[in-house]
Amino acid sequence: SAQKGMAIVRYKLKEYPKIIEAIKNRHINYNNEFKKILDLENQGKIFIFAADESILNLSPKVDPKEVKALYDQGLADFYKRKKDLEEFLNRSKQ
């Protein structure tokens, strides 16, 4: 559980309270930074290129079929967004 995990972190890192606090709040920090990134994208200041589908289902072992499928998905995602990326880059040059 998350609480058990934090208990272990507190015990192991008791000499580093700022690290413990950062780990404890990492989800909050992640969400805040993610919101900032989305806001920047909505303002047209950055271009986010991300996978259309989650890649969290990869097993810890390196399976060539999974790697190939991930590569193919990345390539397909790129070609779907290529025109958007080119338009963003052209606007950025101006």
N, C-alpha and C. Protein backbone atom coordinates (compact mmCIF):
# COMPACT_ATOMS: atom_id res chain seq x y z
N SER A 1 0.84 -1.20 0.00
CA SER A 1 0.00 0.00 0.00
C SER A 1 0.87 1.25 0.00
N ALA A 2 0.27 2.36 -0.35
CA ALA A 2 1.00 3.62 -0.40
C ALA A 2 1.50 4.04 0.97
N GLN A 3 0.68 3.81 2.01
CA GLN A 3 1.09 4.18 3.37
C GLN A 3 2.27 3.35 3.84
N LYS A 4 2.25 2.07 3.52
CA LYS A 4 3.37 1.20 3.90
C LYS A 4 4.63 1.65 3.17
N GLY A 5 4.47 2.00 1.90
CA GLY A 5 5.60 2.48 1.12
C GLY A 5 6.20 3.74 1.71
N MET A 6 5.35 4.67 2.14
CA MET A 6 5.85 5.90 2.75
C MET A 6 6.52 5.62 4.09
N ALA A 7 6.03 4.65 4.83
CA ALA A 7 6.66 4.30 6.11
C ALA A 7 8.09 3.82 5.85
N ILE A 8 8.26 3.03 4.83
CA ILE A 8 9.60 2.54 4.47
C ILE A 8 10.48 3.70 4.04
N VAL A 9 9.94 4.60 3.23
CA VAL A 9 10.69 5.78 2.77
C VAL A 9 11.12 6.61 3.97
N ARG A 10 10.19 6.86 4.90
CA ARG A 10 10.52 7.66 6.09
C ARG A 10 11.64 7.02 6.90
N TYR A 11 11.57 5.70 7.06
CA TYR A 11 12.59 4.99 7.83
C TYR A 11 13.94 5.06 7.13
N LYS A 12 13.96 4.75 5.85
CA LYS A 12 15.22 4.70 5.11
C LYS A 12 15.85 6.08 4.91
N LEU A 13 15.02 7.10 4.79
CA LEU A 13 15.52 8.43 4.47
C LEU A 13 15.33 9.42 5.62
N LYS A 14 15.28 8.92 6.84
CA LYS A 14 14.97 9.79 7.98
C LYS A 14 15.95 10.95 8.13
N GLU A 15 17.14 10.80 7.60
CA GLU A 15 18.14 11.88 7.67
C GLU A 15 17.93 12.94 6.57
N TYR A 16 16.97 12.70 5.70
CA TYR A 16 16.74 13.59 4.56
C TYR A 16 15.26 14.01 4.51
N PRO A 17 14.83 14.85 5.44
CA PRO A 17 13.40 15.20 5.50
C PRO A 17 12.86 15.91 4.25
N LYS A 18 13.69 16.66 3.56
CA LYS A 18 13.21 17.34 2.35
C LYS A 18 12.93 16.34 1.22
N ILE A 19 13.72 15.28 1.16
CA ILE A 19 13.47 14.24 0.16
C ILE A 19 12.18 13.50 0.49
N ILE A 20 11.99 13.21 1.77
CA ILE A 20 10.75 12.55 2.20
C ILE A 20 9.54 13.40 1.81
N GLU A 21 9.62 14.70 2.08
CA GLU A 21 8.52 15.61 1.75
C GLU A 21 8.27 15.65 0.25
N ALA A 22 9.34 15.68 -0.54
CA ALA A 22 9.20 15.71 -2.00
C ALA A 22 8.53 14.43 -2.50
N ILE A 23 8.92 13.29 -1.95
CA ILE A 23 8.31 12.02 -2.35
C ILE A 23 6.84 11.99 -1.94
N LYS A 24 6.57 12.46 -0.74
CA LYS A 24 5.20 12.48 -0.23
C LYS A 24 4.29 13.33 -1.12
N ASN A 25 4.81 14.42 -1.65
CA ASN A 25 4.01 15.35 -2.45
C ASN A 25 4.22 15.22 -3.95
N ARG A 26 4.87 14.16 -4.39
CA ARG A 26 5.22 14.07 -5.81
C ARG A 26 4.00 14.10 -6.72
N HIS A 27 2.91 13.48 -6.31
CA HIS A 27 1.70 13.47 -7.15
C HIS A 27 1.12 14.88 -7.28
N ILE A 28 1.19 15.66 -6.22
CA ILE A 28 0.69 17.04 -6.27
C ILE A 28 1.58 17.86 -7.19
N ASN A 29 2.89 17.72 -7.02
CA ASN A 29 3.83 18.46 -7.87
C ASN A 29 3.67 18.06 -9.34
N TYR A 30 3.51 16.76 -9.58
CA TYR A 30 3.33 16.26 -10.95
C TYR A 30 2.08 16.90 -11.57
N ASN A 31 0.98 16.87 -10.85
CA ASN A 31 -0.27 17.42 -11.39
C ASN A 31 -0.16 18.92 -11.64
N ASN A 32 0.50 19.65 -10.74
CA ASN A 32 0.69 21.09 -10.94
C ASN A 32 1.53 21.37 -12.18
N GLU A 33 2.62 20.64 -12.35
CA GLU A 33 3.49 20.84 -13.51
C GLU A 33 2.77 20.44 -14.80
N PHE A 34 1.99 19.36 -14.75
CA PHE A 34 1.25 18.91 -15.92
C PHE A 34 0.24 19.98 -16.34
N LYS A 35 -0.43 20.60 -15.37
CA LYS A 35 -1.37 21.68 -15.67
C LYS A 35 -0.65 22.85 -16.33
N LYS A 36 0.53 23.21 -15.82
CA LYS A 36 1.31 24.30 -16.42
C LYS A 36 1.65 23.98 -17.87
N ILE A 37 2.04 22.74 -18.13
CA ILE A 37 2.40 22.32 -19.48
C ILE A 37 1.19 22.42 -20.41
N LEU A 38 0.04 21.94 -19.94
CA LEU A 38 -1.18 22.03 -20.76
C LEU A 38 -1.57 23.47 -21.02
N ASP A 39 -1.40 24.34 -20.00
CA ASP A 39 -1.69 25.76 -20.19
C ASP A 39 -0.77 26.36 -21.26
N LEU A 40 0.51 26.02 -21.21
CA LEU A 40 1.46 26.52 -22.22
C LEU A 40 1.08 26.04 -23.62
N GLU A 41 0.64 24.79 -23.70
CA GLU A 41 0.21 24.27 -25.00
C GLU A 41 -1.02 25.04 -25.50
N ASN A 42 -1.98 25.27 -24.61
CA ASN A 42 -3.20 26.01 -25.00
C ASN A 42 -2.88 27.44 -25.43
N GLN A 43 -1.81 28.01 -24.89
CA GLN A 43 -1.38 29.36 -25.27
C GLN A 43 -0.56 29.34 -26.57
N GLY A 44 -0.27 28.16 -27.07
CA GLY A 44 0.50 28.04 -28.30
C GLY A 44 2.00 28.24 -28.11
N LYS A 45 2.47 28.18 -26.86
CA LYS A 45 3.88 28.41 -26.59
C LYS A 45 4.73 27.15 -26.71
N ILE A 46 4.11 25.99 -26.54
CA ILE A 46 4.83 24.73 -26.68
C ILE A 46 3.98 23.75 -27.48
N PHE A 47 4.64 22.75 -28.01
CA PHE A 47 3.96 21.68 -28.73
C PHE A 47 4.19 20.39 -27.96
N ILE A 48 3.12 19.73 -27.58
CA ILE A 48 3.24 18.47 -26.85
C ILE A 48 3.07 17.34 -27.85
N PHE A 49 4.07 16.50 -27.87
CA PHE A 49 3.99 15.30 -28.71
C PHE A 49 4.01 14.12 -27.76
N ALA A 50 2.86 13.46 -27.64
CA ALA A 50 2.73 12.34 -26.72
C ALA A 50 1.99 11.20 -27.39
N ALA A 51 2.20 10.02 -26.88
CA ALA A 51 1.55 8.83 -27.42
C ALA A 51 0.04 8.94 -27.27
N ASP A 52 -0.67 8.44 -28.27
CA ASP A 52 -2.13 8.41 -28.20
C ASP A 52 -2.62 7.40 -27.17
N GLU A 53 -1.85 6.35 -26.99
CA GLU A 53 -2.24 5.28 -26.07
C GLU A 53 -1.17 5.13 -25.00
N SER A 54 -1.61 4.63 -23.86
CA SER A 54 -0.69 4.41 -22.75
C SER A 54 0.32 3.34 -23.10
N ILE A 55 1.53 3.52 -22.63
CA ILE A 55 2.57 2.50 -22.84
C ILE A 55 2.92 1.82 -21.53
N LEU A 56 2.07 1.98 -20.53
CA LEU A 56 2.34 1.42 -19.21
C LEU A 56 2.17 -0.09 -19.16
N ASN A 57 1.67 -0.69 -20.20
CA ASN A 57 1.44 -2.13 -20.19
C ASN A 57 2.67 -2.94 -20.57
N LEU A 58 3.78 -2.28 -20.81
CA LEU A 58 5.00 -3.01 -21.16
C LEU A 58 5.47 -3.83 -19.98
N SER A 59 5.88 -5.03 -20.24
CA SER A 59 6.41 -5.88 -19.17
C SER A 59 7.85 -5.47 -18.88
N PRO A 60 8.35 -5.82 -17.69
CA PRO A 60 9.73 -5.45 -17.37
C PRO A 60 10.76 -6.14 -18.27
N LYS A 61 10.39 -7.29 -18.82
CA LYS A 61 11.29 -7.97 -19.75
C LYS A 61 11.23 -7.27 -21.10
N VAL A 62 12.33 -7.30 -21.81
CA VAL A 62 12.36 -6.70 -23.14
C VAL A 62 11.86 -7.74 -24.14
N ASP A 63 10.63 -7.55 -24.56
CA ASP A 63 10.03 -8.44 -25.55
C ASP A 63 10.10 -7.73 -26.90
N PRO A 64 10.84 -8.29 -27.85
CA PRO A 64 10.98 -7.63 -29.16
C PRO A 64 9.65 -7.29 -29.81
N LYS A 65 8.63 -8.11 -29.61
CA LYS A 65 7.31 -7.82 -30.20
C LYS A 65 6.70 -6.57 -29.58
N GLU A 66 6.85 -6.43 -28.25
CA GLU A 66 6.33 -5.24 -27.58
C GLU A 66 7.09 -4.00 -28.01
N VAL A 67 8.40 -4.12 -28.12
CA VAL A 67 9.22 -2.98 -28.54
C VAL A 67 8.84 -2.56 -29.96
N LYS A 68 8.66 -3.52 -30.84
CA LYS A 68 8.27 -3.23 -32.22
C LYS A 68 6.89 -2.58 -32.27
N ALA A 69 5.96 -3.10 -31.46
CA ALA A 69 4.62 -2.52 -31.43
C ALA A 69 4.66 -1.09 -30.91
N LEU A 70 5.48 -0.84 -29.91
CA LEU A 70 5.63 0.51 -29.37
C LEU A 70 6.24 1.44 -30.41
N TYR A 71 7.26 0.95 -31.11
CA TYR A 71 7.88 1.74 -32.18
C TYR A 71 6.86 2.08 -33.27
N ASP A 72 6.10 1.07 -33.70
CA ASP A 72 5.09 1.28 -34.74
C ASP A 72 4.04 2.29 -34.28
N GLN A 73 3.63 2.20 -33.01
CA GLN A 73 2.64 3.13 -32.48
C GLN A 73 3.21 4.55 -32.46
N GLY A 74 4.45 4.69 -32.05
CA GLY A 74 5.09 6.00 -32.03
C GLY A 74 5.18 6.61 -33.41
N LEU A 75 5.51 5.80 -34.38
CA LEU A 75 5.60 6.26 -35.77
C LEU A 75 4.22 6.70 -36.28
N ALA A 76 3.20 5.89 -35.97
CA ALA A 76 1.83 6.24 -36.39
C ALA A 76 1.39 7.54 -35.73
N ASP A 77 1.71 7.70 -34.43
CA ASP A 77 1.37 8.93 -33.72
C ASP A 77 2.06 10.13 -34.36
N PHE A 78 3.33 9.96 -34.73
CA PHE A 78 4.07 11.04 -35.37
C PHE A 78 3.39 11.46 -36.67
N TYR A 79 3.05 10.51 -37.52
CA TYR A 79 2.46 10.86 -38.81
C TYR A 79 1.08 11.50 -38.64
N LYS A 80 0.35 11.14 -37.57
CA LYS A 80 -0.93 11.78 -37.31
C LYS A 80 -0.76 13.25 -36.94
N ARG A 81 0.33 13.57 -36.24
CA ARG A 81 0.54 14.93 -35.74
C ARG A 81 1.59 15.72 -36.50
N LYS A 82 2.16 15.12 -37.55
CA LYS A 82 3.25 15.76 -38.28
C LYS A 82 2.87 17.15 -38.80
N LYS A 83 1.69 17.28 -39.39
CA LYS A 83 1.26 18.56 -39.94
C LYS A 83 1.12 19.60 -38.82
N ASP A 84 0.56 19.19 -37.67
CA ASP A 84 0.44 20.10 -36.53
C ASP A 84 1.81 20.56 -36.06
N LEU A 85 2.76 19.65 -36.01
CA LEU A 85 4.12 20.00 -35.58
C LEU A 85 4.76 20.98 -36.56
N GLU A 86 4.61 20.73 -37.85
CA GLU A 86 5.19 21.62 -38.86
C GLU A 86 4.58 23.02 -38.75
N GLU A 87 3.26 23.10 -38.54
CA GLU A 87 2.60 24.40 -38.40
C GLU A 87 3.11 25.12 -37.15
N PHE A 88 3.26 24.39 -36.06
CA PHE A 88 3.79 25.00 -34.84
C PHE A 88 5.19 25.53 -35.05
N LEU A 89 6.04 24.74 -35.69
CA LEU A 89 7.41 25.17 -35.92
C LEU A 89 7.47 26.38 -36.85
N ASN A 90 6.63 26.41 -37.85
CA ASN A 90 6.58 27.57 -38.75
C ASN A 90 6.12 28.82 -38.03
N ARG A 91 5.14 28.70 -37.13
CA ARG A 91 4.69 29.86 -36.34
C ARG A 91 5.79 30.32 -35.41
N SER A 92 6.57 29.39 -34.88
CA SER A 92 7.64 29.72 -33.93
C SER A 92 8.78 30.49 -34.60
N LYS A 93 8.97 30.29 -35.90
CA LYS A 93 10.04 30.97 -36.63
C LYS A 93 9.73 32.45 -36.82
N GLN A 94 8.46 32.80 -36.82
CA GLN A 94 8.04 34.17 -37.12
C GLN A 94 8.27 35.11 -35.97
